[in-house]
PDB file of N, CA and C in Angstrom:
ATOM      1  N   MET A   1     124.925 131.367 104.736  1.00  0.00           N
ATOM      2  CA  MET A   1     123.994 131.199 103.905  1.00  0.00           C
ATOM      3  C   MET A   1     124.642 131.619 102.517  1.00  0.00           C
ATOM      4  N   GLN A   2     123.604 130.754 101.679  1.00  0.00           N
ATOM      5  CA  GLN A   2     123.880 131.063 100.212  1.00  0.00           C
ATOM      6  C   GLN A   2     123.151 132.190  99.679  1.00  0.00           C
ATOM      7  N   ALA A   3     124.238 132.291  98.756  1.00  0.00           N
ATOM      8  CA  ALA A   3     123.392 133.812  98.108  1.00  0.00           C
ATOM      9  C   ALA A   3     122.385 134.197  97.789  1.00  0.00           C
ATOM     10  N   GLN A   4     121.471 133.175  97.542  1.00  0.00           N
ATOM     11  CA  GLN A   4     120.060 133.464  97.295  1.00  0.00           C
ATOM     12  C   GLN A   4     119.405 133.498  98.687  1.00  0.00           C
ATOM     13  N   ASP A   5     120.177 132.736  99.528  1.00  0.00           N
ATOM     14  CA  ASP A   5     119.606 132.773 100.966  1.00  0.00           C
ATOM     15  C   ASP A   5     119.007 134.362 101.659  1.00  0.00           C
ATOM     16  N   VAL A   6     117.675 134.585 102.006  1.00  0.00           N
ATOM     17  CA  VAL A   6     117.459 135.884 102.741  1.00  0.00           C
ATOM     18  C   VAL A   6     117.114 135.464 104.337  1.00  0.00           C
ATOM     19  N   ARG A   7     117.467 136.790 105.143  1.00  0.00           N
ATOM     20  CA  ARG A   7     117.348 136.622 106.273  1.00  0.00           C
ATOM     21  C   ARG A   7     115.596 137.052 106.611  1.00  0.00           C
ATOM     22  N   VAL A   8     115.168 136.012 108.417  1.00  0.00           N
ATOM     23  CA  VAL A   8     113.699 136.372 108.194  1.00  0.00           C
ATOM     24  C   VAL A   8     113.792 136.430 109.355  1.00  0.00           C
ATOM     25  N   THR A   9     112.791 137.570 110.413  1.00  0.00           N
ATOM     26  CA  THR A   9     112.672 137.602 111.494  1.00  0.00           C
ATOM     27  C   THR A   9     111.198 138.048 111.579  1.00  0.00           C
ATOM     28  N   VAL A  10     111.096 136.784 113.098  1.00  0.00           N
ATOM     29  CA  VAL A  10     109.878 136.890 113.358  1.00  0.00           C
ATOM     30  C   VAL A  10     109.787 136.738 114.862  1.00  0.00           C
ATOM     31  N   ARG A  11     108.839 137.350 115.768  1.00  0.00           N
ATOM     32  CA  ARG A  11     108.355 137.049 117.008  1.00  0.00           C
ATOM     33  C   ARG A  11     107.556 136.436 117.344  1.00  0.00           C
ATOM     34  N   VAL A  12     108.113 135.177 118.299  1.00  0.00           N
ATOM     35  CA  VAL A  12     107.276 134.449 119.002  1.00  0.00           C
ATOM     36  C   VAL A  12     107.302 134.357 120.553  1.00  0.00           C
ATOM     37  N   ASN A  13     106.467 133.491 121.029  1.00  0.00           N
ATOM     38  CA  ASN A  13     106.465 133.429 122.401  1.00  0.00           C
ATOM     39  C   ASN A  13     107.522 132.619 122.794  1.00  0.00           C
ATOM     40  N   ARG A  14     108.169 133.105 123.986  1.00  0.00           N
ATOM     41  CA  ARG A  14     109.346 132.317 124.328  1.00  0.00           C
ATOM     42  C   ARG A  14     109.184 130.936 125.005  1.00  0.00           C
ATOM     43  N   LYS A  15     108.028 130.402 125.646  1.00  0.00           N
ATOM     44  CA  LYS A  15     108.139 128.699 125.754  1.00  0.00           C
ATOM     45  C   LYS A  15     107.656 128.784 124.549  1.00  0.00           C
ATOM     46  N   LEU A  16     107.179 128.989 123.614  1.00  0.00           N
ATOM     47  CA  LEU A  16     106.809 128.156 122.238  1.00  0.00           C
ATOM     48  C   LEU A  16     107.620 127.973 121.543  1.00  0.00           C
ATOM     49  N   LYS A  17     108.669 128.684 121.679  1.00  0.00           N
ATOM     50  CA  LYS A  17     109.866 128.969 120.742  1.00  0.00           C
ATOM     51  C   LYS A  17     110.948 127.788 121.596  1.00  0.00           C
ATOM     52  N   GLU A  18     110.648 127.688 122.940  1.00  0.00           N
ATOM     53  CA  GLU A  18     111.667 126.653 123.375  1.00  0.00           C
ATOM     54  C   GLU A  18     111.323 125.468 123.145  1.00  0.00           C
ATOM     55  N   SER A  19     109.887 124.928 123.028  1.00  0.00           N
ATOM     56  CA  SER A  19     109.140 123.792 123.327  1.00  0.00           C
ATOM     57  C   SER A  19     109.274 123.399 121.281  1.00  0.00           C
ATOM     58  N   ALA A  20     109.405 124.385 120.782  1.00  0.00           N
ATOM     59  CA  ALA A  20     109.484 123.913 119.212  1.00  0.00           C
ATOM     60  C   ALA A  20     110.803 123.379 119.316  1.00  0.00           C
ATOM     61  N   GLU A  21     111.956 124.395 119.794  1.00  0.00           N
ATOM     62  CA  GLU A  21     113.323 124.068 119.275  1.00  0.00           C
ATOM     63  C   GLU A  21     113.396 122.341 120.152  1.00  0.00           C
ATOM     64  N   THR A  22     112.995 122.208 121.214  1.00  0.00           N
ATOM     65  CA  THR A  22     113.242 120.626 121.821  1.00  0.00           C
ATOM     66  C   THR A  22     112.433 119.566 120.790  1.00  0.00           C
ATOM     67  N   LEU A  23     111.365 120.242 120.277  1.00  0.00           N
ATOM     68  CA  LEU A  23     111.113 118.765 119.354  1.00  0.00           C
ATOM     69  C   LEU A  23     111.889 118.641 118.164  1.00  0.00           C
ATOM     70  N   PHE A  24     112.326 120.089 117.337  1.00  0.00           N
ATOM     71  CA  PHE A  24     113.075 120.343 116.123  1.00  0.00           C
ATOM     72  C   PHE A  24     114.296 119.192 116.807  1.00  0.00           C
ATOM     73  N   ASP A  25     115.019 119.492 117.696  1.00  0.00           N
ATOM     74  CA  ASP A  25     116.392 118.629 117.901  1.00  0.00           C
ATOM     75  C   ASP A  25     115.899 117.401 118.073  1.00  0.00           C
ATOM     76  N   TYR A  26     114.967 116.829 118.656  1.00  0.00           N
ATOM     77  CA  TYR A  26     114.582 115.755 118.767  1.00  0.00           C
ATOM     78  C   TYR A  26     114.569 114.588 117.272  1.00  0.00           C
ATOM     79  N   LEU A  27     114.219 115.599 116.298  1.00  0.00           N
ATOM     80  CA  LEU A  27     113.630 115.471 115.101  1.00  0.00           C
ATOM     81  C   LEU A  27     115.073 115.328 113.983  1.00  0.00           C
ATOM     82  N   GLY A  28     116.107 116.094 114.762  1.00  0.00           N
ATOM     83  CA  GLY A  28     117.435 116.330 114.002  1.00  0.00           C
ATOM     84  C   GLY A  28     117.176 117.625 113.171  1.00  0.00           C
ATOM     85  N   LEU A  29     116.258 118.814 113.708  1.00  0.00           N
ATOM     86  CA  LEU A  29     116.431 120.023 112.605  1.00  0.00           C
ATOM     87  C   LEU A  29     116.550 120.648 113.615  1.00  0.00           C
ATOM     88  N   ASN A  30     116.953 122.399 113.161  1.00  0.00           N
ATOM     89  CA  ASN A  30     116.927 123.372 113.620  1.00  0.00           C
ATOM     90  C   ASN A  30     115.791 124.230 113.532  1.00  0.00           C
ATOM     91  N   MET A  31     115.841 125.468 113.818  1.00  0.00           N
ATOM     92  CA  MET A  31     114.531 126.421 113.612  1.00  0.00           C
ATOM     93  C   MET A  31     114.633 126.523 111.911  1.00  0.00           C
ATOM     94  N   SER A  32     115.977 126.730 111.680  1.00  0.00           N
ATOM     95  CA  SER A  32     115.646 126.814 110.646  1.00  0.00           C
ATOM     96  C   SER A  32     115.286 125.812 109.641  1.00  0.00           C
ATOM     97  N   ASN A  33     115.855 125.072 109.648  1.00  0.00           N
ATOM     98  CA  ASN A  33     115.290 123.777 108.767  1.00  0.00           C
ATOM     99  C   ASN A  33     113.750 123.295 108.689  1.00  0.00           C
ATOM    100  N   ALA A  34     113.412 123.845 110.081  1.00  0.00           N
ATOM    101  CA  ALA A  34     111.943 122.838 110.411  1.00  0.00           C
ATOM    102  C   ALA A  34     110.855 124.489 109.400  1.00  0.00           C
ATOM    103  N   ILE A  35     111.470 125.863 109.843  1.00  0.00           N
ATOM    104  CA  ILE A  35     110.661 126.503 109.507  1.00  0.00           C
ATOM    105  C   ILE A  35     110.738 126.622 107.366  1.00  0.00           C
ATOM    106  N   ASN A  36     111.659 126.307 106.988  1.00  0.00           N
ATOM    107  CA  ASN A  36     112.202 125.776 105.466  1.00  0.00           C
ATOM    108  C   ASN A  36     111.188 124.820 105.409  1.00  0.00           C
ATOM    109  N   ILE A  37     110.976 123.932 106.050  1.00  0.00           N
ATOM    110  CA  ILE A  37     110.117 122.908 105.602  1.00  0.00           C
ATOM    111  C   ILE A  37     108.830 123.219 105.626  1.00  0.00           C
ATOM    112  N   PHE A  38     108.735 123.979 106.545  1.00  0.00           N
ATOM    113  CA  PHE A  38     106.893 124.571 106.772  1.00  0.00           C
ATOM    114  C   PHE A  38     106.747 125.604 105.232  1.00  0.00           C
ATOM    115  N   LEU A  39     107.453 126.164 105.194  1.00  0.00           N
ATOM    116  CA  LEU A  39     107.447 127.116 103.958  1.00  0.00           C
ATOM    117  C   LEU A  39     107.582 126.440 102.749  1.00  0.00           C
ATOM    118  N   ARG A  40     108.098 125.235 102.692  1.00  0.00           N
ATOM    119  CA  ARG A  40     108.182 124.575 100.879  1.00  0.00           C
ATOM    120  C   ARG A  40     106.759 123.845 101.172  1.00  0.00           C
ATOM    121  N   LYS A  41     106.233 123.265 101.889  1.00  0.00           N
ATOM    122  CA  LYS A  41     105.155 122.148 101.994  1.00  0.00           C
ATOM    123  C   LYS A  41     103.917 123.322 101.990  1.00  0.00           C
ATOM    124  N   THR A  42     103.967 124.665 102.221  1.00  0.00           N
ATOM    125  CA  THR A  42     102.527 125.719 102.155  1.00  0.00           C
ATOM    126  C   THR A  42     102.826 126.012 100.334  1.00  0.00           C
ATOM    127  N   VAL A  43     103.857 126.202  99.918  1.00  0.00           N
ATOM    128  CA  VAL A  43     103.756 126.423  99.209  1.00  0.00           C
ATOM    129  C   VAL A  43     103.790 125.283  97.669  1.00  0.00           C
ATOM    130  N   GLU A  44     103.679 124.177  98.035  1.00  0.00           N
ATOM    131  CA  GLU A  44     103.568 122.907  97.575  1.00  0.00           C
ATOM    132  C   GLU A  44     102.271 122.211  97.355  1.00  0.00           C
ATOM    133  N   GLN A  45     101.496 123.017  98.460  1.00  0.00           N
ATOM    134  CA  GLN A  45     100.205 122.891  98.363  1.00  0.00           C
ATOM    135  C   GLN A  45      99.452 123.814  98.343  1.00  0.00           C
ATOM    136  N   ARG A  46      99.820 124.871  98.303  1.00  0.00           N
ATOM    137  CA  ARG A  46      99.394 126.309  98.303  1.00  0.00           C
ATOM    138  C   ARG A  46      98.341 126.563  99.452  1.00  0.00           C
ATOM    139  N   GLY A  47      99.004 126.192 100.691  1.00  0.00           N
ATOM    140  CA  GLY A  47      97.962 126.510 101.563  1.00  0.00           C
ATOM    141  C   GLY A  47      98.600 125.963 102.928  1.00  0.00           C
ATOM    142  N   ILE A  48      98.371 126.223 104.119  1.00  0.00           N
ATOM    143  CA  ILE A  48      98.596 125.536 105.186  1.00  0.00           C
ATOM    144  C   ILE A  48      98.773 124.103 105.272  1.00  0.00           C
ATOM    145  N   PRO A  49      99.741 123.544 105.244  1.00  0.00           N
ATOM    146  CA  PRO A  49      99.870 122.225 105.093  1.00  0.00           C
ATOM    147  C   PRO A  49      99.082 121.043 106.315  1.00  0.00           C
ATOM    148  N   PHE A  50      98.447 121.870 107.251  1.00  0.00           N
ATOM    149  CA  PHE A  50      97.590 120.928 108.021  1.00  0.00           C
ATOM    150  C   PHE A  50      96.244 121.934 108.499  1.00  0.00           C
ATOM    151  N   PRO A  51      95.432 121.518 109.165  1.00  0.00           N
ATOM    152  CA  PRO A  51      94.006 122.376 109.429  1.00  0.00           C
ATOM    153  C   PRO A  51      93.916 123.229 110.384  1.00  0.00           C
ATOM    154  N   VAL A  52      93.661 124.305 109.982  1.00  0.00           N
ATOM    155  CA  VAL A  52      93.412 125.404 110.682  1.00  0.00           C
ATOM    156  C   VAL A  52      92.763 125.794 111.025  1.00  0.00           C
ATOM    157  N   ASN A  53      92.111 126.135 112.569  1.00  0.00           N
ATOM    158  CA  ASN A  53      90.473 126.564 112.858  1.00  0.00           C
ATOM    159  C   ASN A  53      90.497 126.628 114.223  1.00  0.00           C
ATOM    160  N   ALA A  54      89.361 127.935 114.697  1.00  0.00           N
ATOM    161  CA  ALA A  54      89.194 128.312 115.693  1.00  0.00           C
ATOM    162  C   ALA A  54      88.261 127.125 116.756  1.00  0.00           C
ATOM    163  N   SER A  55      89.267 126.795 117.746  1.00  0.00           N
ATOM    164  CA  SER A  55      88.747 125.894 118.859  1.00  0.00           C
ATOM    165  C   SER A  55      87.307 126.366 119.516  1.00  0.00           C
ATOM    166  N   SER A  56      86.804 125.808 120.197  1.00  0.00           N
ATOM    167  CA  SER A  56      85.484 125.829 120.971  1.00  0.00           C
ATOM    168  C   SER A  56      86.084 126.564 122.264  1.00  0.00           C
ATOM    169  N   GLN A  57      87.373 126.480 122.101  1.00  0.00           N
ATOM    170  CA  GLN A  57      88.182 127.180 123.232  1.00  0.00           C
ATOM    171  C   GLN A  57      88.609 128.583 123.106  1.00  0.00           C
ATOM    172  N   GLY A  58      88.775 128.898 121.792  1.00  0.00           N
ATOM    173  CA  GLY A  58      88.793 130.052 121.384  1.00  0.00           C
ATOM    174  C   GLY A  58      90.402 129.705 120.378  1.00  0.00           C
ATOM    175  N   VAL A  59      90.557 130.959 119.686  1.00  0.00           N
ATOM    176  CA  VAL A  59      91.847 130.925 118.794  1.00  0.00           C
ATOM    177  C   VAL A  59      92.995 131.012 119.397  1.00  0.00           C
ATOM    178  N   GLY A  60      94.251 129.987 119.004  1.00  0.00           N
ATOM    179  CA  GLY A  60      95.527 130.746 120.028  1.00  0.00           C
ATOM    180  C   GLY A  60      95.571 129.694 121.209  1.00  0.00           C
ATOM    181  N   GLU A  61      94.856 129.217 121.479  1.00  0.00           N
ATOM    182  CA  GLU A  61      94.597 128.360 123.026  1.00  0.00           C
ATOM    183  C   GLU A  61      94.855 126.600 122.998  1.00  0.00           C
ATOM    184  N   LEU A  62      95.798 126.457 122.129  1.00  0.00           N
ATOM    185  CA  LEU A  62      96.530 125.351 121.353  1.00  0.00           C
ATOM    186  C   LEU A  62      97.638 125.181 122.507  1.00  0.00           C
ATOM    187  N   SER A  63      97.722 123.709 123.248  1.00  0.00           N
ATOM    188  CA  SER A  63      98.757 123.811 124.187  1.00  0.00           C
ATOM    189  C   SER A  63     100.057 123.305 123.253  1.00  0.00           C
ATOM    190  N   SER A  64     101.605 123.228 123.817  1.00  0.00           N
ATOM    191  CA  SER A  64     102.860 122.709 123.155  1.00  0.00           C
ATOM    192  C   SER A  64     102.514 121.490 122.791  1.00  0.00           C
ATOM    193  N   SER A  65     101.588 120.655 123.440  1.00  0.00           N
ATOM    194  CA  SER A  65     101.502 119.207 122.570  1.00  0.00           C
ATOM    195  C   SER A  65     100.453 118.616 121.557  1.00  0.00           C
ATOM    196  N   ASP A  66      99.629 119.760 121.539  1.00  0.00           N
ATOM    197  CA  ASP A  66      98.900 120.154 120.498  1.00  0.00           C
ATOM    198  C   ASP A  66      99.459 120.734 119.481  1.00  0.00           C
ATOM    199  N   ILE A  67     100.212 121.713 119.454  1.00  0.00           N
ATOM    200  CA  ILE A  67     101.577 121.750 118.136  1.00  0.00           C
ATOM    201  C   ILE A  67     102.546 120.986 117.870  1.00  0.00           C
ATOM    202  N   THR A  68     103.075 120.308 118.828  1.00  0.00           N
ATOM    203  CA  THR A  68     103.585 119.311 118.762  1.00  0.00           C
ATOM    204  C   THR A  68     103.481 118.228 117.900  1.00  0.00           C
ATOM    205  N   GLY A  69     102.161 117.759 118.116  1.00  0.00           N
ATOM    206  CA  GLY A  69     101.101 116.682 117.414  1.00  0.00           C
ATOM    207  C   GLY A  69     100.939 117.210 116.077  1.00  0.00           C
ATOM    208  N   ILE A  70     100.149 118.591 115.638  1.00  0.00           N
ATOM    209  CA  ILE A  70     100.200 118.447 114.662  1.00  0.00           C
ATOM    210  C   ILE A  70     101.091 118.579 113.534  1.00  0.00           C
ATOM    211  N   PHE A  71     102.462 119.423 114.256  1.00  0.00           N
ATOM    212  CA  PHE A  71     103.520 119.475 113.433  1.00  0.00           C
ATOM    213  C   PHE A  71     104.269 118.207 112.785  1.00  0.00           C
ATOM    214  N   ASN A  72     103.723 116.966 114.013  1.00  0.00           N
ATOM    215  CA  ASN A  72     104.685 115.667 113.501  1.00  0.00           C
ATOM    216  C   ASN A  72     103.977 114.972 112.781  1.00  0.00           C
ATOM    217  N   ARG A  73     102.679 115.248 112.561  1.00  0.00           N
ATOM    218  CA  ARG A  73     101.277 114.922 111.659  1.00  0.00           C
ATOM    219  C   ARG A  73     101.858 115.178 110.507  1.00  0.00           C
ATOM    220  N   ALA A  74     102.127 116.675 110.315  1.00  0.00           N
ATOM    221  CA  ALA A  74     102.289 117.219 109.248  1.00  0.00           C
ATOM    222  C   ALA A  74     103.892 116.483 108.773  1.00  0.00           C
ATOM    223  N   VAL A  75     104.843 116.501 109.113  1.00  0.00           N
ATOM    224  CA  VAL A  75     105.773 115.872 109.011  1.00  0.00           C
ATOM    225  C   VAL A  75     105.863 114.604 108.133  1.00  0.00           C
ATOM    226  N   GLU A  76     105.404 113.666 109.117  1.00  0.00           N
ATOM    227  CA  GLU A  76     104.891 112.250 108.612  1.00  0.00           C
ATOM    228  C   GLU A  76     104.214 112.418 107.611  1.00  0.00           C
ATOM    229  N   GLN A  77     103.367 113.233 107.402  1.00  0.00           N
ATOM    230  CA  GLN A  77     102.124 112.822 106.451  1.00  0.00           C
ATOM    231  C   GLN A  77     103.346 113.317 104.519  1.00  0.00           C
ATOM    232  N   ASP A  78     104.148 114.506 105.127  1.00  0.00           N
ATOM    233  CA  ASP A  78     104.863 114.578 103.931  1.00  0.00           C
ATOM    234  C   ASP A  78     105.848 113.475 103.660  1.00  0.00           C
ATOM    235  N   ILE A  79     106.533 113.309 104.240  1.00  0.00           N
ATOM    236  CA  ILE A  79     107.428 111.756 104.595  1.00  0.00           C
ATOM    237  C   ILE A  79     106.581 110.608 103.538  1.00  0.00           C
ATOM    238  N   THR A  80     105.657 110.818 103.850  1.00  0.00           N
ATOM    239  CA  THR A  80     104.491 109.274 103.511  1.00  0.00           C
ATOM    240  C   THR A  80     104.424 110.205 101.959  1.00  0.00           C
ATOM    241  N   GLU A  81     104.160 110.619 101.877  1.00  0.00           N
ATOM    242  CA  GLU A  81     103.798 111.196 100.243  1.00  0.00           C
ATOM    243  C   GLU A  81     105.068 111.275  99.569  1.00  0.00           C
ATOM    244  N   LYS A  82     106.160 111.613  99.938  1.00  0.00           N
ATOM    245  CA  LYS A  82     107.157 111.835  99.433  1.00  0.00           C
ATOM    246  C   LYS A  82     107.832 109.907  98.912  1.00  0.00           C
ATOM    247  N   LYS A  83     107.484 109.252  99.985  1.00  0.00           N
ATOM    248  CA  LYS A  83     108.048 108.076  99.709  1.00  0.00           C
ATOM    249  C   LYS A  83     106.780 107.199  98.732  1.00  0.00           C
ATOM    250  N   ARG A  84     105.634 107.790  98.781  1.00  0.00           N
ATOM    251  CA  ARG A  84     104.755 107.014  97.434  1.00  0.00           C
ATOM    252  C   ARG A  84     105.020 107.528  96.370  1.00  0.00           C
ATOM    253  N   LYS A  85     105.457 108.786  96.206  1.00  0.00           N
ATOM    254  CA  LYS A  85     105.924 109.407  94.932  1.00  0.00           C
ATOM    255  C   LYS A  85     107.414 108.996  94.650  1.00  0.00           C
ATOM    256  N   GLY A  86     108.152 108.232  95.781  1.00  0.00           N
ATOM    257  CA  GLY A  86     109.231 107.840  95.029  1.00  0.00           C
ATOM    258  C   GLY A  86     110.324 108.973  95.019  1.00  0.00           C
ATOM    259  N   LEU A  87     110.177 109.853  96.074  1.00  0.00           N
ATOM    260  CA  LEU A  87     110.955 111.202  96.016  1.00  0.00           C
ATOM    261  C   LEU A  87     112.070 110.753  97.135  1.00  0.00           C
ATOM    262  N   PRO A  88     113.094 111.982  97.116  1.00  0.00           N
ATOM    263  CA  PRO A  88     113.998 111.619  98.305  1.00  0.00           C
ATOM    264  C   PRO A  88     113.142 112.307  99.376  1.00  0.00           C
ATOM    265  N   VAL A  89     113.594 112.202 100.683  1.00  0.00           N
ATOM    266  CA  VAL A  89     113.301 112.954 101.757  1.00  0.00           C
ATOM    267  C   VAL A  89     114.368 113.219 102.884  1.00  0.00           C
ATOM    268  N   ALA A  90     114.147 114.688 102.734  1.00  0.00           N
ATOM    269  CA  ALA A  90     115.033 115.465 103.377  1.00  0.00           C
ATOM    270  C   ALA A  90     115.399 115.113 105.188  1.00  0.00           C
ATOM    271  N   ARG A  91     116.597 114.950 105.756  1.00  0.00           N
ATOM    272  CA  ARG A  91     116.980 114.480 106.887  1.00  0.00           C
ATOM    273  C   ARG A  91     118.189 115.149 107.007  1.00  0.00           C
ATOM    274  N   TYR A  92     118.258 114.815 108.472  1.00  0.00           N
ATOM    275  CA  TYR A  92     119.686 115.577 108.856  1.00  0.00           C
ATOM    276  C   TYR A  92     120.473 114.745 109.972  1.00  0.00           C
ATOM    277  N   ASP A  93     121.791 114.365 109.470  1.00  0.00           N
ATOM    278  CA  ASP A  93     122.429 113.524 110.309  1.00  0.00           C
ATOM    279  C   ASP A  93     123.116 114.306 111.754  1.00  0.00           C
ATOM    280  N   LEU A  94     122.507 114.171 112.800  1.00  0.00           N
ATOM    281  CA  LEU A  94     123.151 114.378 114.062  1.00  0.00           C
ATOM    282  C   LEU A  94     125.011 114.242 114.245  1.00  0.00           C
ATOM    283  N   ASP A  95     125.234 113.035 113.996  1.00  0.00           N
ATOM    284  CA  ASP A  95     126.456 113.017 114.115  1.00  0.00           C
ATOM    285  C   ASP A  95     127.640 113.946 113.035  1.00  0.00           C
ATOM    286  N   LYS A  96     127.086 113.798 111.821  1.00  0.00           N
ATOM    287  CA  LYS A  96     127.748 114.660 110.969  1.00  0.00           C
ATOM    288  C   LYS A  96     127.200 116.178 110.870  1.00  0.00           C
ATOM    289  N   LYS A  97     126.386 116.326 111.468  1.00  0.00           N
ATOM    290  CA  LYS A  97     125.882 117.456 111.400  1.00  0.00           C
ATOM    291  C   LYS A  97     125.281 118.212 110.247  1.00  0.00           C
ATOM    292  N   ARG A  98     125.022 117.427 109.197  1.00  0.00           N
ATOM    293  CA  ARG A  98     124.724 117.939 107.947  1.00  0.00           C
ATOM    294  C   ARG A  98     123.622 117.269 107.364  1.00  0.00           C
ATOM    295  N   ALA A  99     122.862 117.841 106.640  1.00  0.00           N
ATOM    296  CA  ALA A  99     121.723 117.716 105.916  1.00  0.00           C
ATOM    297  C   ALA A  99     121.639 116.656 104.683  1.00  0.00           C
ATOM    298  N   TYR A 100     120.933 115.719 104.570  1.00  0.00           N
ATOM    299  CA  TYR A 100     121.208 114.865 103.465  1.00  0.00           C
ATOM    300  C   TYR A 100     119.651 114.380 102.808  1.00  0.00           C
ATOM    301  N   LEU A 101     119.772 113.727 101.893  1.00  0.00           N
ATOM    302  CA  LEU A 101     118.499 113.333 101.044  1.00  0.00           C
ATOM    303  C   LEU A 101     118.285 111.784 101.220  1.00  0.00           C
ATOM    304  N   GLU A 102     117.401 111.293 101.250  1.00  0.00           N
ATOM    305  CA  GLU A 102     117.445 109.996 101.888  1.00  0.00           C
ATOM    306  C   GLU A 102     116.499 109.440 100.685  1.00  0.00           C
ATOM    307  N   ASN A 103     117.119 108.621  99.682  1.00  0.00           N
ATOM    308  CA  ASN A 103     116.455 107.847  98.559  1.00  0.00           C
ATOM    309  C   ASN A 103     115.484 107.244  99.280  1.00  0.00           C
ATOM    310  N   ILE A 104     114.841 106.651  97.937  1.00  0.00           N
ATOM    311  CA  ILE A 104     113.749 105.457  98.099  1.00  0.00           C
ATOM    312  C   ILE A 104     114.293 104.093  98.692  1.00  0.00           C
ATOM    313  N   ASP A 105     115.859 104.141  97.939  1.00  0.00           N
ATOM    314  CA  ASP A 105     116.193 102.614  98.224  1.00  0.00           C
ATOM    315  C   ASP A 105     116.899 102.858  99.287  1.00  0.00           C
ATOM    316  N   GLY A 106     117.176 103.995 100.329  1.00  0.00           N
ATOM    317  CA  GLY A 106     118.059 104.344 101.711  1.00  0.00           C
ATOM    318  C   GLY A 106     119.244 104.911 101.497  1.00  0.00           C
ATOM    319  N   THR A 107     119.905 104.945 100.133  1.00  0.00           N
ATOM    320  CA  THR A 107     121.018 105.585 100.173  1.00  0.00           C
ATOM    321  C   THR A 107     120.506 107.096 100.481  1.00  0.00           C
ATOM    322  N   ARG A 108     122.135 107.914 100.802  1.00  0.00           N
ATOM    323  CA  ARG A 108     121.959 109.322 101.105  1.00  0.00           C
ATOM    324  C   ARG A 108     122.604 110.187 100.387  1.00  0.00           C
ATOM    325  N   GLU A 109     122.386 111.232 100.258  1.00  0.00           N
ATOM    326  CA  GLU A 109     123.114 111.965  99.324  1.00  0.00           C
ATOM    327  C   GLU A 109     123.017 113.629 100.638  1.00  0.00           C
ATOM    328  N   TYR A 110     124.711 113.489 100.828  1.00  0.00           N
ATOM    329  CA  TYR A 110     124.752 114.630 101.870  1.00  0.00           C
ATOM    330  C   TYR A 110     124.785 116.299 100.692  1.00  0.00           C
ATOM    331  N   VAL A 111     124.197 116.816 101.377  1.00  0.00           N
ATOM    332  CA  VAL A 111     124.198 118.438 100.709  1.00  0.00           C
ATOM    333  C   VAL A 111     124.925 119.209 101.677  1.00  0.00           C
TER     334      VAL A 111
END
């Protein structure tokens, strides 16, 4: 951990956590990376970065595929917006097990 980093502990449903970890692994992320992406986007937009509402079935009854779809759309929306603005996009290299920034010209800057 870096000097300014702090540990955050949350309680989540076991199946939700496992589904999220599977998705994050597919995306080349870990839980910490994904939570940091969510928090950064939330702060940037000054609100939750995707629609949050109560469905006709009731709050909290989203399936893991619904959650996966919402998350994927939010990530893709963020990537598209960063590219539109000419900003680098945060990625993760599974082979090197390192995060990097991908610049608009395709070059990588490992962090």
